[in-house]
Amino acid sequence: MKAHTKHVQPLAGPEKAFGLAFRTFRKKQRISQQRVSETAECDRTTVSLIERGLVSPKLGTMDKMCKAIEVFPSEVIRAMEKSRFYQ
């Protein structure tokens, strides 16, 4: 009998595409999730959940997170739209 494996992270969609785009920018800036969370005034686990595409950020949170990595939200959105995960 084959074991059933459960996907914890979404395989595709706007949440996954946004999360990966944000993570790419964050890592390029060499900024930790902890630093983003402190600057954006949210939990580090929230940043992790957003980066993994498990939750969608509110607009205000997205703005604060992008300011924390010194990138315009529109830049992250443009990168998201180019992602193979964006549908």
N, C-alpha and C. Protein backbone atom coordinates (compact mmCIF):
# COMPACT_ATOMS: atom_id res chain seq x y z
N MET A 1 0.83 -1.17 0.00
CA MET A 1 0.00 0.00 0.00
C MET A 1 0.88 1.24 0.00
N LYS A 2 0.59 2.17 -0.87
CA LYS A 2 1.36 3.40 -1.01
C LYS A 2 0.93 4.42 0.05
N ALA A 3 1.91 5.01 0.72
CA ALA A 3 1.61 6.02 1.73
C ALA A 3 1.11 7.28 1.06
N HIS A 4 0.10 7.87 1.64
CA HIS A 4 -0.46 9.12 1.12
C HIS A 4 0.34 10.29 1.67
N THR A 5 0.88 11.10 0.77
CA THR A 5 1.62 12.28 1.22
C THR A 5 0.74 13.50 1.01
N LYS A 6 0.80 14.37 1.94
CA LYS A 6 -0.03 15.57 1.91
C LYS A 6 0.84 16.79 1.62
N HIS A 7 0.43 17.60 0.66
CA HIS A 7 1.15 18.83 0.35
C HIS A 7 0.77 19.89 1.37
N VAL A 8 1.76 20.44 2.04
CA VAL A 8 1.50 21.50 3.01
C VAL A 8 1.50 22.84 2.30
N GLN A 9 2.32 22.97 1.27
CA GLN A 9 2.43 24.23 0.55
C GLN A 9 1.66 24.14 -0.76
N PRO A 10 1.07 25.24 -1.19
CA PRO A 10 0.34 25.21 -2.46
C PRO A 10 1.29 24.97 -3.62
N LEU A 11 0.79 24.28 -4.64
CA LEU A 11 1.61 23.99 -5.81
C LEU A 11 1.72 25.19 -6.74
N ALA A 12 0.72 26.04 -6.72
CA ALA A 12 0.73 27.23 -7.58
C ALA A 12 -0.31 28.22 -7.07
N GLY A 13 -0.38 29.37 -7.73
CA GLY A 13 -1.36 30.39 -7.38
C GLY A 13 -0.70 31.70 -7.00
N PRO A 14 -1.49 32.74 -6.87
CA PRO A 14 -0.93 34.06 -6.59
C PRO A 14 -0.22 34.15 -5.24
N GLU A 15 -0.71 33.44 -4.24
CA GLU A 15 -0.05 33.47 -2.92
C GLU A 15 1.36 32.90 -3.01
N LYS A 16 1.49 31.75 -3.67
CA LYS A 16 2.81 31.14 -3.82
C LYS A 16 3.73 32.03 -4.65
N ALA A 17 3.21 32.59 -5.73
CA ALA A 17 4.02 33.45 -6.60
C ALA A 17 4.48 34.70 -5.86
N PHE A 18 3.58 35.32 -5.09
CA PHE A 18 3.95 36.50 -4.32
C PHE A 18 5.00 36.14 -3.27
N GLY A 19 4.76 35.06 -2.55
CA GLY A 19 5.69 34.65 -1.50
C GLY A 19 7.09 34.40 -2.00
N LEU A 20 7.18 33.70 -3.12
CA LEU A 20 8.50 33.41 -3.69
C LEU A 20 9.18 34.69 -4.21
N ALA A 21 8.39 35.58 -4.81
CA ALA A 21 8.96 36.84 -5.29
C ALA A 21 9.47 37.67 -4.12
N PHE A 22 8.67 37.75 -3.05
CA PHE A 22 9.09 38.51 -1.88
C PHE A 22 10.35 37.91 -1.28
N ARG A 23 10.39 36.58 -1.12
CA ARG A 23 11.56 35.91 -0.55
C ARG A 23 12.82 36.19 -1.37
N THR A 24 12.68 36.18 -2.69
CA THR A 24 13.82 36.45 -3.57
C THR A 24 14.39 37.84 -3.31
N PHE A 25 13.50 38.84 -3.24
CA PHE A 25 13.96 40.20 -2.95
C PHE A 25 14.58 40.30 -1.56
N ARG A 26 13.94 39.65 -0.57
CA ARG A 26 14.44 39.71 0.81
C ARG A 26 15.84 39.11 0.91
N LYS A 27 16.02 37.97 0.27
CA LYS A 27 17.33 37.31 0.34
C LYS A 27 18.39 38.11 -0.42
N LYS A 28 17.99 38.73 -1.52
CA LYS A 28 18.91 39.57 -2.28
C LYS A 28 19.43 40.72 -1.41
N GLN A 29 18.57 41.23 -0.55
CA GLN A 29 18.93 42.32 0.35
C GLN A 29 19.64 41.80 1.61
N ARG A 30 19.71 40.49 1.75
CA ARG A 30 20.32 39.84 2.93
C ARG A 30 19.66 40.29 4.22
N ILE A 31 18.33 40.26 4.20
CA ILE A 31 17.54 40.65 5.37
C ILE A 31 16.82 39.41 5.88
N SER A 32 16.88 39.20 7.18
CA SER A 32 16.25 38.02 7.78
C SER A 32 14.74 38.20 7.91
N GLN A 33 14.05 37.07 8.03
CA GLN A 33 12.61 37.12 8.29
C GLN A 33 12.35 37.84 9.61
N GLN A 34 13.23 37.62 10.58
CA GLN A 34 13.06 38.26 11.89
C GLN A 34 13.10 39.79 11.76
N ARG A 35 14.06 40.28 10.98
CA ARG A 35 14.17 41.73 10.80
C ARG A 35 12.94 42.29 10.08
N VAL A 36 12.46 41.55 9.07
CA VAL A 36 11.24 41.98 8.37
C VAL A 36 10.09 42.04 9.35
N SER A 37 9.96 41.02 10.17
CA SER A 37 8.83 40.98 11.11
C SER A 37 8.89 42.12 12.11
N GLU A 38 10.08 42.45 12.57
CA GLU A 38 10.22 43.55 13.53
C GLU A 38 9.87 44.88 12.88
N THR A 39 10.35 45.11 11.67
CA THR A 39 10.08 46.36 10.96
C THR A 39 8.62 46.47 10.54
N ALA A 40 8.05 45.35 10.08
CA ALA A 40 6.66 45.34 9.60
C ALA A 40 5.65 45.14 10.73
N GLU A 41 6.16 44.97 11.95
CA GLU A 41 5.31 44.80 13.12
C GLU A 41 4.35 43.62 12.99
N CYS A 42 4.92 42.47 12.63
CA CYS A 42 4.14 41.24 12.55
C CYS A 42 5.02 40.09 13.06
N ASP A 43 4.44 38.93 13.25
CA ASP A 43 5.21 37.77 13.72
C ASP A 43 6.13 37.25 12.62
N ARG A 44 7.27 36.68 13.03
CA ARG A 44 8.17 36.07 12.07
C ARG A 44 7.48 34.91 11.37
N THR A 45 6.62 34.19 12.10
CA THR A 45 5.90 33.08 11.47
C THR A 45 4.96 33.58 10.38
N THR A 46 4.43 34.78 10.54
CA THR A 46 3.58 35.36 9.50
C THR A 46 4.38 35.59 8.23
N VAL A 47 5.59 36.11 8.36
CA VAL A 47 6.46 36.31 7.20
C VAL A 47 6.72 34.96 6.53
N SER A 48 7.01 33.96 7.32
CA SER A 48 7.26 32.61 6.79
C SER A 48 6.04 32.07 6.06
N LEU A 49 4.87 32.20 6.66
CA LEU A 49 3.63 31.71 6.02
C LEU A 49 3.36 32.43 4.70
N ILE A 50 3.61 33.73 4.67
CA ILE A 50 3.42 34.50 3.43
C ILE A 50 4.41 34.04 2.38
N GLU A 51 5.68 33.88 2.76
CA GLU A 51 6.70 33.45 1.80
C GLU A 51 6.42 32.05 1.24
N ARG A 52 5.80 31.21 2.02
CA ARG A 52 5.47 29.85 1.56
C ARG A 52 4.15 29.79 0.83
N GLY A 53 3.46 30.93 0.75
CA GLY A 53 2.20 30.97 0.02
C GLY A 53 1.03 30.37 0.76
N LEU A 54 1.15 30.24 2.07
CA LEU A 54 0.07 29.63 2.85
C LEU A 54 -0.98 30.64 3.29
N VAL A 55 -0.60 31.91 3.33
CA VAL A 55 -1.57 32.97 3.64
C VAL A 55 -1.30 34.17 2.72
N SER A 56 -2.33 34.96 2.52
CA SER A 56 -2.20 36.19 1.75
C SER A 56 -2.02 37.35 2.72
N PRO A 57 -1.06 38.22 2.44
CA PRO A 57 -0.90 39.37 3.33
C PRO A 57 -1.98 40.41 3.08
N LYS A 58 -2.36 41.11 4.13
CA LYS A 58 -3.22 42.28 3.95
C LYS A 58 -2.38 43.34 3.26
N LEU A 59 -3.04 44.28 2.61
CA LEU A 59 -2.34 45.32 1.88
C LEU A 59 -1.38 46.10 2.77
N GLY A 60 -1.82 46.43 3.96
CA GLY A 60 -0.96 47.17 4.89
C GLY A 60 0.27 46.38 5.29
N THR A 61 0.09 45.08 5.53
CA THR A 61 1.22 44.21 5.88
C THR A 61 2.18 44.10 4.71
N MET A 62 1.64 43.94 3.50
CA MET A 62 2.47 43.85 2.31
C MET A 62 3.32 45.11 2.16
N ASP A 63 2.69 46.27 2.37
CA ASP A 63 3.40 47.54 2.26
C ASP A 63 4.53 47.63 3.28
N LYS A 64 4.23 47.27 4.53
CA LYS A 64 5.25 47.32 5.59
C LYS A 64 6.39 46.33 5.32
N MET A 65 6.04 45.14 4.84
CA MET A 65 7.07 44.14 4.55
C MET A 65 7.99 44.61 3.43
N CYS A 66 7.40 45.20 2.40
CA CYS A 66 8.21 45.69 1.28
C CYS A 66 9.10 46.87 1.71
N LYS A 67 8.58 47.73 2.57
CA LYS A 67 9.40 48.83 3.09
C LYS A 67 10.57 48.27 3.90
N ALA A 68 10.34 47.17 4.61
CA ALA A 68 11.39 46.56 5.43
C ALA A 68 12.56 46.07 4.58
N ILE A 69 12.28 45.68 3.34
CA ILE A 69 13.36 45.21 2.46
C ILE A 69 13.73 46.26 1.40
N GLU A 70 13.13 47.46 1.57
CA GLU A 70 13.43 48.60 0.69
C GLU A 70 13.15 48.31 -0.78
N VAL A 71 11.97 47.74 -1.03
CA VAL A 71 11.52 47.42 -2.38
C VAL A 71 10.07 47.90 -2.49
N PHE A 72 9.72 48.50 -3.60
CA PHE A 72 8.34 48.92 -3.81
C PHE A 72 7.45 47.68 -3.97
N PRO A 73 6.24 47.72 -3.40
CA PRO A 73 5.32 46.59 -3.58
C PRO A 73 5.09 46.28 -5.06
N SER A 74 5.07 47.31 -5.89
CA SER A 74 4.85 47.08 -7.33
C SER A 74 5.95 46.23 -7.96
N GLU A 75 7.18 46.34 -7.44
CA GLU A 75 8.28 45.51 -7.95
C GLU A 75 8.04 44.04 -7.62
N VAL A 76 7.57 43.80 -6.40
CA VAL A 76 7.28 42.42 -5.99
C VAL A 76 6.12 41.87 -6.81
N ILE A 77 5.09 42.69 -7.02
CA ILE A 77 3.93 42.26 -7.81
C ILE A 77 4.35 41.95 -9.25
N ARG A 78 5.19 42.80 -9.84
CA ARG A 78 5.66 42.52 -11.21
C ARG A 78 6.43 41.21 -11.27
N ALA A 79 7.27 40.96 -10.28
CA ALA A 79 8.01 39.69 -10.23
C ALA A 79 7.05 38.52 -10.04
N MET A 80 6.03 38.73 -9.22
CA MET A 80 5.01 37.71 -8.99
C MET A 80 4.32 37.33 -10.30
N GLU A 81 3.97 38.35 -11.09
CA GLU A 81 3.25 38.12 -12.34
C GLU A 81 4.09 37.36 -13.36
N LYS A 82 5.41 37.44 -13.24
CA LYS A 82 6.30 36.74 -14.15
C LYS A 82 6.60 35.31 -13.69
N SER A 83 6.17 34.98 -12.49
CA SER A 83 6.45 33.67 -11.91
C SER A 83 5.71 32.56 -12.64
N ARG A 84 6.33 31.41 -12.72
CA ARG A 84 5.67 30.26 -13.33
C ARG A 84 4.54 29.76 -12.45
N PHE A 85 4.50 30.20 -11.20
CA PHE A 85 3.46 29.77 -10.27
C PHE A 85 2.22 30.65 -10.32
N TYR A 86 2.34 31.81 -10.98
CA TYR A 86 1.21 32.74 -11.05
C TYR A 86 0.21 32.25 -12.07
N GLN A 87 -1.04 32.13 -11.66
CA GLN A 87 -2.08 31.65 -12.59
C GLN A 87 -3.26 32.60 -12.61
